Amino acid sequence: MKTTASLAALALSLATFAAMPSAIAYDGTVCKEPGNCWEPKPGYPEQVAGSEYDPQHDPMELNKQMESISGMEARNKQRVEHFAATGEFVFDVSKIGSAATPEATPASTAAE
């Protein structure tokens, strides 16, 4: 009896949600084309440049990313060169400069 009542309640709730699919699907936007549903808030300017919404980025702040990318590329180049020379991958670039290459160690020169 208890399971029958719970099944009836479940069926009733599913029927309620199935009866109003259009109310659930409406998101309040008017799409110009499929996937292009962005609408500006009232008072947002047509052109952002020169308005109060213009971020006016500092060139030095924008340059920070380029500096970090060039540093990353330089470190990756050192890692690849070290791996090609020794066959050992070292992530910490500071260890690459302090570690001697196998060709320069006295043990490898004595073996030759």
N, C-alpha and C. Protein backbone atom coordinates (compact mmCIF):
# COMPACT_ATOMS: atom_id res chain seq x y z
N MET A 1 0.82 -1.19 0.00
CA MET A 1 0.00 0.00 0.00
C MET A 1 0.87 1.26 0.00
N LYS A 2 1.94 1.20 0.78
CA LYS A 2 2.83 2.36 0.89
C LYS A 2 3.54 2.61 -0.44
N THR A 3 3.96 1.54 -1.11
CA THR A 3 4.63 1.71 -2.40
C THR A 3 3.67 2.22 -3.46
N THR A 4 2.42 1.83 -3.39
CA THR A 4 1.43 2.30 -4.35
C THR A 4 1.22 3.81 -4.21
N ALA A 5 1.20 4.28 -2.98
CA ALA A 5 1.00 5.71 -2.75
C ALA A 5 2.21 6.51 -3.22
N SER A 6 3.41 5.98 -2.99
CA SER A 6 4.61 6.70 -3.43
C SER A 6 4.72 6.69 -4.95
N LEU A 7 4.32 5.57 -5.58
CA LEU A 7 4.33 5.52 -7.04
C LEU A 7 3.30 6.49 -7.63
N ALA A 8 2.17 6.62 -6.98
CA ALA A 8 1.14 7.55 -7.45
C ALA A 8 1.62 8.99 -7.32
N ALA A 9 2.31 9.30 -6.23
CA ALA A 9 2.84 10.65 -6.04
C ALA A 9 3.91 10.96 -7.08
N LEU A 10 4.74 9.98 -7.37
CA LEU A 10 5.79 10.16 -8.38
C LEU A 10 5.17 10.38 -9.76
N ALA A 11 4.15 9.59 -10.09
CA ALA A 11 3.48 9.75 -11.38
C ALA A 11 2.81 11.10 -11.49
N LEU A 12 2.22 11.57 -10.41
CA LEU A 12 1.56 12.87 -10.42
C LEU A 12 2.57 14.00 -10.63
N SER A 13 3.73 13.92 -9.97
CA SER A 13 4.73 14.97 -10.14
C SER A 13 5.33 14.94 -11.54
N LEU A 14 5.55 13.77 -12.10
CA LEU A 14 6.04 13.68 -13.48
C LEU A 14 5.01 14.24 -14.47
N ALA A 15 3.75 13.96 -14.24
CA ALA A 15 2.70 14.48 -15.12
C ALA A 15 2.61 16.00 -15.04
N THR A 16 2.86 16.56 -13.87
CA THR A 16 2.82 18.02 -13.70
C THR A 16 3.94 18.68 -14.50
N PHE A 17 5.15 18.12 -14.42
CA PHE A 17 6.27 18.70 -15.17
C PHE A 17 6.14 18.46 -16.67
N ALA A 18 5.52 17.35 -17.07
CA ALA A 18 5.35 17.06 -18.49
C ALA A 18 4.31 17.98 -19.12
N ALA A 19 3.38 18.50 -18.32
CA ALA A 19 2.31 19.34 -18.85
C ALA A 19 2.79 20.74 -19.19
N MET A 20 3.93 21.18 -18.64
CA MET A 20 4.38 22.55 -18.91
C MET A 20 5.82 22.60 -19.43
N PRO A 21 6.12 21.96 -20.55
CA PRO A 21 7.50 21.98 -21.05
C PRO A 21 7.91 23.36 -21.58
N SER A 22 6.95 24.12 -22.10
CA SER A 22 7.32 25.43 -22.65
C SER A 22 7.73 26.40 -21.54
N ALA A 23 7.14 26.28 -20.38
CA ALA A 23 7.51 27.17 -19.27
C ALA A 23 8.89 26.85 -18.74
N ILE A 24 9.30 25.61 -18.78
CA ILE A 24 10.62 25.20 -18.31
C ILE A 24 11.70 25.59 -19.34
N ALA A 25 11.37 25.49 -20.62
CA ALA A 25 12.36 25.71 -21.67
C ALA A 25 12.64 27.19 -21.93
N TYR A 26 11.76 28.09 -21.57
CA TYR A 26 11.96 29.51 -21.87
C TYR A 26 13.04 30.09 -20.98
N ASP A 27 14.04 30.71 -21.59
CA ASP A 27 15.14 31.28 -20.82
C ASP A 27 15.15 32.81 -20.82
N GLY A 28 14.18 33.45 -21.44
CA GLY A 28 14.07 34.90 -21.38
C GLY A 28 14.88 35.64 -22.42
N THR A 29 15.43 34.97 -23.39
CA THR A 29 16.24 35.64 -24.41
C THR A 29 15.56 35.53 -25.77
N VAL A 30 15.92 36.43 -26.63
CA VAL A 30 15.46 36.39 -28.01
C VAL A 30 16.70 36.19 -28.87
N CYS A 31 16.80 35.04 -29.52
CA CYS A 31 18.00 34.70 -30.27
C CYS A 31 17.93 35.27 -31.69
N LYS A 32 19.03 35.89 -32.13
CA LYS A 32 19.11 36.38 -33.51
C LYS A 32 19.27 35.21 -34.46
N GLU A 33 20.02 34.21 -34.05
CA GLU A 33 20.23 32.97 -34.78
C GLU A 33 20.56 31.91 -33.75
N PRO A 34 20.50 30.63 -34.10
CA PRO A 34 20.78 29.59 -33.10
C PRO A 34 22.18 29.75 -32.51
N GLY A 35 22.26 29.82 -31.21
CA GLY A 35 23.54 29.96 -30.52
C GLY A 35 23.96 31.40 -30.29
N ASN A 36 23.27 32.38 -30.87
CA ASN A 36 23.60 33.79 -30.70
C ASN A 36 22.45 34.45 -29.94
N CYS A 37 22.44 34.24 -28.62
CA CYS A 37 21.33 34.71 -27.80
C CYS A 37 21.74 35.81 -26.82
N TRP A 38 22.88 36.43 -27.04
CA TRP A 38 23.35 37.45 -26.11
C TRP A 38 22.57 38.74 -26.33
N GLU A 39 22.09 39.30 -25.23
CA GLU A 39 21.39 40.58 -25.29
C GLU A 39 22.05 41.52 -24.30
N PRO A 40 22.40 42.73 -24.70
CA PRO A 40 22.98 43.67 -23.74
C PRO A 40 21.91 44.18 -22.78
N LYS A 41 22.37 44.57 -21.61
CA LYS A 41 21.45 45.17 -20.64
C LYS A 41 21.02 46.53 -21.17
N PRO A 42 19.88 47.03 -20.75
CA PRO A 42 19.44 48.36 -21.18
C PRO A 42 20.46 49.42 -20.79
N GLY A 43 20.80 50.29 -21.71
CA GLY A 43 21.77 51.35 -21.46
C GLY A 43 23.19 50.98 -21.86
N TYR A 44 23.44 49.73 -22.28
CA TYR A 44 24.78 49.32 -22.72
C TYR A 44 25.03 49.91 -24.10
N PRO A 45 26.18 50.56 -24.35
CA PRO A 45 26.39 51.24 -25.63
C PRO A 45 26.63 50.26 -26.78
N GLU A 46 26.34 50.73 -27.98
CA GLU A 46 26.57 49.91 -29.17
C GLU A 46 28.06 49.71 -29.40
N GLN A 47 28.86 50.75 -29.14
CA GLN A 47 30.31 50.67 -29.31
C GLN A 47 30.95 50.89 -27.93
N VAL A 48 31.80 49.93 -27.52
CA VAL A 48 32.39 49.97 -26.18
C VAL A 48 33.55 50.96 -26.11
N ALA A 49 34.32 51.09 -27.19
CA ALA A 49 35.50 51.96 -27.18
C ALA A 49 35.09 53.40 -26.89
N GLY A 50 35.73 53.99 -25.87
CA GLY A 50 35.45 55.36 -25.50
C GLY A 50 34.29 55.53 -24.53
N SER A 51 33.61 54.45 -24.20
CA SER A 51 32.49 54.56 -23.26
C SER A 51 32.99 54.25 -21.85
N GLU A 52 32.06 54.28 -20.90
CA GLU A 52 32.44 53.98 -19.52
C GLU A 52 32.77 52.50 -19.35
N TYR A 53 32.40 51.64 -20.30
CA TYR A 53 32.68 50.21 -20.23
C TYR A 53 34.03 49.86 -20.88
N ASP A 54 34.71 50.82 -21.46
CA ASP A 54 36.00 50.58 -22.11
C ASP A 54 37.05 50.27 -21.04
N PRO A 55 37.69 49.08 -21.08
CA PRO A 55 38.61 48.73 -20.01
C PRO A 55 39.92 49.51 -20.03
N GLN A 56 40.36 50.02 -21.16
CA GLN A 56 41.60 50.80 -21.29
C GLN A 56 42.76 50.11 -20.59
N HIS A 57 43.16 48.96 -21.13
CA HIS A 57 44.21 48.14 -20.53
C HIS A 57 45.56 48.84 -20.58
N ASP A 58 46.35 48.65 -19.53
CA ASP A 58 47.70 49.17 -19.46
C ASP A 58 48.61 48.30 -20.33
N PRO A 59 49.38 48.88 -21.26
CA PRO A 59 50.26 48.07 -22.12
C PRO A 59 51.28 47.24 -21.33
N MET A 60 51.73 47.75 -20.19
CA MET A 60 52.69 46.99 -19.38
C MET A 60 52.02 45.74 -18.79
N GLU A 61 50.76 45.84 -18.42
CA GLU A 61 50.06 44.68 -17.89
C GLU A 61 49.85 43.64 -18.99
N LEU A 62 49.53 44.09 -20.19
CA LEU A 62 49.34 43.17 -21.30
C LEU A 62 50.65 42.51 -21.70
N ASN A 63 51.77 43.21 -21.51
CA ASN A 63 53.07 42.68 -21.89
C ASN A 63 53.53 41.57 -20.93
N LYS A 64 53.00 41.52 -19.73
CA LYS A 64 53.41 40.51 -18.76
C LYS A 64 53.18 39.09 -19.29
N GLN A 65 52.08 38.89 -19.97
CA GLN A 65 51.79 37.56 -20.49
C GLN A 65 52.80 37.17 -21.58
N MET A 66 53.15 38.10 -22.44
CA MET A 66 54.13 37.79 -23.48
C MET A 66 55.49 37.48 -22.86
N GLU A 67 55.85 38.18 -21.79
CA GLU A 67 57.12 37.91 -21.13
C GLU A 67 57.11 36.52 -20.50
N SER A 68 56.01 36.14 -19.88
CA SER A 68 55.96 34.82 -19.25
C SER A 68 55.96 33.72 -20.30
N ILE A 69 55.34 33.95 -21.45
CA ILE A 69 55.33 32.95 -22.52
C ILE A 69 56.73 32.79 -23.11
N SER A 70 57.45 33.90 -23.32
CA SER A 70 58.80 33.79 -23.87
C SER A 70 59.73 33.11 -22.87
N GLY A 71 59.55 33.35 -21.56
CA GLY A 71 60.33 32.65 -20.55
C GLY A 71 60.04 31.16 -20.54
N MET A 72 58.78 30.81 -20.70
CA MET A 72 58.39 29.41 -20.75
C MET A 72 59.02 28.71 -21.96
N GLU A 73 59.01 29.38 -23.11
CA GLU A 73 59.59 28.80 -24.31
C GLU A 73 61.10 28.62 -24.16
N ALA A 74 61.78 29.56 -23.50
CA ALA A 74 63.21 29.44 -23.27
C ALA A 74 63.52 28.26 -22.35
N ARG A 75 62.73 28.08 -21.30
CA ARG A 75 62.94 26.94 -20.40
C ARG A 75 62.68 25.62 -21.11
N ASN A 76 61.63 25.57 -21.93
CA ASN A 76 61.35 24.35 -22.68
C ASN A 76 62.47 24.03 -23.65
N LYS A 77 63.06 25.05 -24.26
CA LYS A 77 64.18 24.84 -25.18
C LYS A 77 65.36 24.25 -24.43
N GLN A 78 65.66 24.75 -23.22
CA GLN A 78 66.75 24.20 -22.42
C GLN A 78 66.47 22.74 -22.06
N ARG A 79 65.24 22.42 -21.69
CA ARG A 79 64.90 21.05 -21.35
C ARG A 79 65.09 20.12 -22.53
N VAL A 80 64.64 20.54 -23.71
CA VAL A 80 64.75 19.71 -24.91
C VAL A 80 66.21 19.51 -25.30
N GLU A 81 67.00 20.58 -25.24
CA GLU A 81 68.42 20.45 -25.58
C GLU A 81 69.14 19.51 -24.60
N HIS A 82 68.81 19.63 -23.31
CA HIS A 82 69.43 18.76 -22.32
C HIS A 82 69.01 17.31 -22.53
N PHE A 83 67.74 17.10 -22.86
CA PHE A 83 67.25 15.73 -23.11
C PHE A 83 67.90 15.14 -24.35
N ALA A 84 68.07 15.96 -25.40
CA ALA A 84 68.70 15.45 -26.62
C ALA A 84 70.17 15.10 -26.38
N ALA A 85 70.84 15.86 -25.51
CA ALA A 85 72.26 15.60 -25.25
C ALA A 85 72.47 14.44 -24.29
N THR A 86 71.61 14.31 -23.28
CA THR A 86 71.86 13.31 -22.23
C THR A 86 70.89 12.15 -22.24
N GLY A 87 69.71 12.32 -22.78
CA GLY A 87 68.69 11.29 -22.72
C GLY A 87 67.93 11.30 -21.41
N GLU A 88 68.17 12.28 -20.55
CA GLU A 88 67.51 12.40 -19.26
C GLU A 88 66.68 13.67 -19.25
N PHE A 89 65.39 13.54 -18.88
CA PHE A 89 64.53 14.72 -18.81
C PHE A 89 64.61 15.30 -17.41
N VAL A 90 64.95 16.58 -17.33
CA VAL A 90 65.01 17.29 -16.06
C VAL A 90 64.02 18.44 -16.14
N PHE A 91 63.05 18.47 -15.21
CA PHE A 91 62.04 19.52 -15.24
C PHE A 91 62.59 20.83 -14.70
N ASP A 92 63.35 20.77 -13.60
CA ASP A 92 63.88 21.98 -12.97
C ASP A 92 65.07 22.48 -13.77
N VAL A 93 64.91 23.61 -14.43
CA VAL A 93 65.93 24.15 -15.33
C VAL A 93 67.17 24.58 -14.56
N SER A 94 67.03 24.95 -13.30
CA SER A 94 68.20 25.35 -12.52
C SER A 94 69.14 24.17 -12.29
N LYS A 95 68.63 22.96 -12.30
CA LYS A 95 69.47 21.78 -12.15
C LYS A 95 70.20 21.44 -13.45
N ILE A 96 69.68 21.89 -14.56
CA ILE A 96 70.34 21.62 -15.85
C ILE A 96 71.64 22.37 -15.93
N GLY A 97 71.66 23.63 -15.53
CA GLY A 97 72.88 24.43 -15.61
C GLY A 97 73.94 23.95 -14.64
N SER A 98 73.55 23.44 -13.45
CA SER A 98 74.53 23.02 -12.47
C SER A 98 75.01 21.61 -12.72
N ALA A 99 74.23 20.78 -13.37
CA ALA A 99 74.65 19.40 -13.63
C ALA A 99 75.56 19.36 -14.84
N ALA A 100 76.63 18.64 -14.70
CA ALA A 100 77.58 18.51 -15.82
C ALA A 100 77.05 17.47 -16.79
N THR A 101 77.31 17.68 -18.06
CA THR A 101 76.88 16.74 -19.06
C THR A 101 77.77 15.51 -19.00
N PRO A 102 77.34 14.34 -19.43
CA PRO A 102 78.14 13.13 -19.33
C PRO A 102 79.46 13.22 -20.10
N GLU A 103 79.50 14.02 -21.18
CA GLU A 103 80.73 14.14 -21.95
C GLU A 103 81.81 14.89 -21.17
N ALA A 104 81.42 15.74 -20.24
CA ALA A 104 82.38 16.58 -19.53
C ALA A 104 82.83 15.99 -18.21
N THR A 105 82.23 14.87 -17.77
CA THR A 105 82.63 14.30 -16.49
C THR A 105 83.94 13.53 -16.62
N PRO A 106 84.78 13.50 -15.60
CA PRO A 106 86.05 12.81 -15.67
C PRO A 106 85.91 11.31 -15.88
N ALA A 107 84.84 10.71 -15.37
CA ALA A 107 84.64 9.27 -15.52
C ALA A 107 84.42 8.90 -16.98
N SER A 108 83.70 9.74 -17.71
CA SER A 108 83.42 9.41 -19.12
C SER A 108 84.67 9.66 -19.97
N THR A 109 85.51 10.64 -19.61
CA THR A 109 86.72 10.86 -20.39
C THR A 109 87.75 9.78 -20.13
N ALA A 110 87.77 9.23 -18.91
CA ALA A 110 88.71 8.17 -18.60
C ALA A 110 88.33 6.88 -19.30
N ALA A 111 87.04 6.64 -19.51
CA ALA A 111 86.59 5.42 -20.14
C ALA A 111 86.88 5.44 -21.63
N GLU A 112 87.05 6.58 -22.21
CA GLU A 112 87.25 6.67 -23.66
C GLU A 112 88.62 6.35 -23.99
